[in-house]
Amino acid sequence: MMTSHGFVSMAIANIAQTLRNQSAVASFGKEKKMEICGKEIKDECSHCGNILECELFRQGHGIKQERENVAKMIECQMKHRERREFEC
């Protein structure tokens, strides 16, 4: 059985590989810094496994477009955080 730490490490490795393929920068060290298209991502979105497919993420953070739907993005982040905290 895989531990939650092992799962998170695997998910981070998969995200980092996908980001490299999309010419985005991901740096995971002691600081756990994530940067996509020149924007540092350090909010709840950085914990989401669907970050690269999420249109709401791109709109809310203004990835290659003007920022929009920020309130919807924050609402989504709050739901994700509640689920993440409930699972622990």
Protein backbone atom coordinates (compact mmCIF):
# COMPACT_ATOMS: atom_id res chain seq x y z
CA MET A 1 0.00 0.00 0.00
CA MET A 2 1.35 3.42 -0.96
CA THR A 3 1.65 6.01 1.80
CA SER A 4 0.25 9.50 1.34
CA HIS A 5 3.84 10.83 1.25
CA GLY A 6 4.71 8.40 -1.53
CA PHE A 7 1.61 9.36 -3.48
CA VAL A 8 2.36 13.09 -3.14
CA SER A 9 5.98 12.54 -4.22
CA MET A 10 4.80 10.61 -7.27
CA ALA A 11 2.22 13.29 -8.11
CA ILE A 12 4.84 16.04 -7.83
CA ALA A 13 7.19 14.11 -10.09
CA ASN A 14 4.41 13.67 -12.67
CA ILE A 15 3.51 17.37 -12.52
CA ALA A 16 7.17 18.38 -12.85
CA GLN A 17 7.61 16.15 -15.91
CA THR A 18 4.49 17.56 -17.55
CA LEU A 19 5.63 21.12 -16.81
CA ARG A 20 9.00 20.41 -18.40
CA ASN A 21 7.20 19.14 -21.48
CA GLN A 22 5.16 22.38 -21.59
CA SER A 23 8.25 24.60 -21.15
CA ALA A 24 7.12 25.70 -17.70
CA VAL A 25 9.39 25.83 -14.69
CA ALA A 26 8.83 23.74 -11.60
CA SER A 27 11.17 23.79 -8.67
CA PHE A 28 10.40 21.57 -5.72
CA GLY A 29 12.86 21.79 -2.87
CA LYS A 30 12.70 22.85 0.74
CA GLU A 31 10.63 25.86 -0.34
CA LYS A 32 8.26 23.85 -2.57
CA LYS A 33 8.14 26.55 -5.21
CA MET A 34 6.13 26.13 -8.40
CA GLU A 35 6.39 28.55 -11.29
CA ILE A 36 4.31 28.35 -14.45
CA CYS A 37 4.85 30.77 -17.32
CA GLY A 38 6.72 33.16 -15.05
CA LYS A 39 4.05 33.17 -12.31
CA GLU A 40 4.83 31.67 -8.93
CA ILE A 41 2.03 29.39 -7.75
CA LYS A 42 1.97 28.92 -3.99
CA ASP A 43 -1.73 28.78 -3.19
CA GLU A 44 -4.10 25.80 -2.94
CA CYS A 45 -3.81 25.22 -6.72
CA SER A 46 -0.29 23.91 -6.14
CA HIS A 47 -1.82 20.92 -4.30
CA CYS A 48 -4.25 20.00 -7.08
CA GLY A 49 -3.52 17.04 -9.31
CA ASN A 50 -5.50 18.60 -12.19
CA ILE A 51 -3.63 21.91 -12.26
CA LEU A 52 -2.35 21.46 -15.80
CA GLU A 53 -5.76 20.65 -17.28
CA CYS A 54 -7.72 23.21 -15.25
CA GLU A 55 -9.03 26.13 -17.27
CA LEU A 56 -10.17 27.87 -14.08
CA PHE A 57 -6.56 27.73 -12.82
CA ARG A 58 -5.26 29.36 -16.02
CA GLN A 59 -7.97 32.03 -15.96
CA GLY A 60 -7.67 32.82 -12.26
CA HIS A 61 -3.88 33.05 -12.28
CA GLY A 62 -3.72 34.79 -15.65
CA ILE A 63 -1.59 32.12 -17.36
CA LYS A 64 -1.09 33.37 -20.93
CA GLN A 65 -4.24 35.52 -20.63
CA GLU A 66 -5.78 38.31 -18.57
CA ARG A 67 -6.94 37.26 -15.10
CA GLU A 68 -10.64 36.46 -14.85
CA ASN A 69 -12.94 34.23 -12.78
CA VAL A 70 -10.75 34.82 -9.73
CA ALA A 71 -13.70 34.45 -7.33
CA LYS A 72 -14.65 31.09 -8.91
CA MET A 73 -11.03 29.94 -8.65
CA ILE A 74 -10.93 30.85 -4.94
CA GLU A 75 -14.21 29.03 -4.36
CA CYS A 76 -12.73 25.94 -6.03
CA GLN A 77 -9.58 26.26 -3.90
CA MET A 78 -11.67 26.38 -0.73
CA LYS A 79 -13.49 23.17 -1.73
CA HIS A 80 -10.17 21.47 -2.51
CA ARG A 81 -8.69 22.55 0.81
CA GLU A 82 -11.70 21.25 2.75
CA ARG A 83 -11.45 17.88 0.97
CA ARG A 84 -7.69 17.72 1.52
CA GLU A 85 -8.03 18.50 5.24
CA PHE A 86 -10.89 16.05 5.63
CA GLU A 87 -8.82 13.23 4.09
CA CYS A 88 -5.95 13.72 6.56
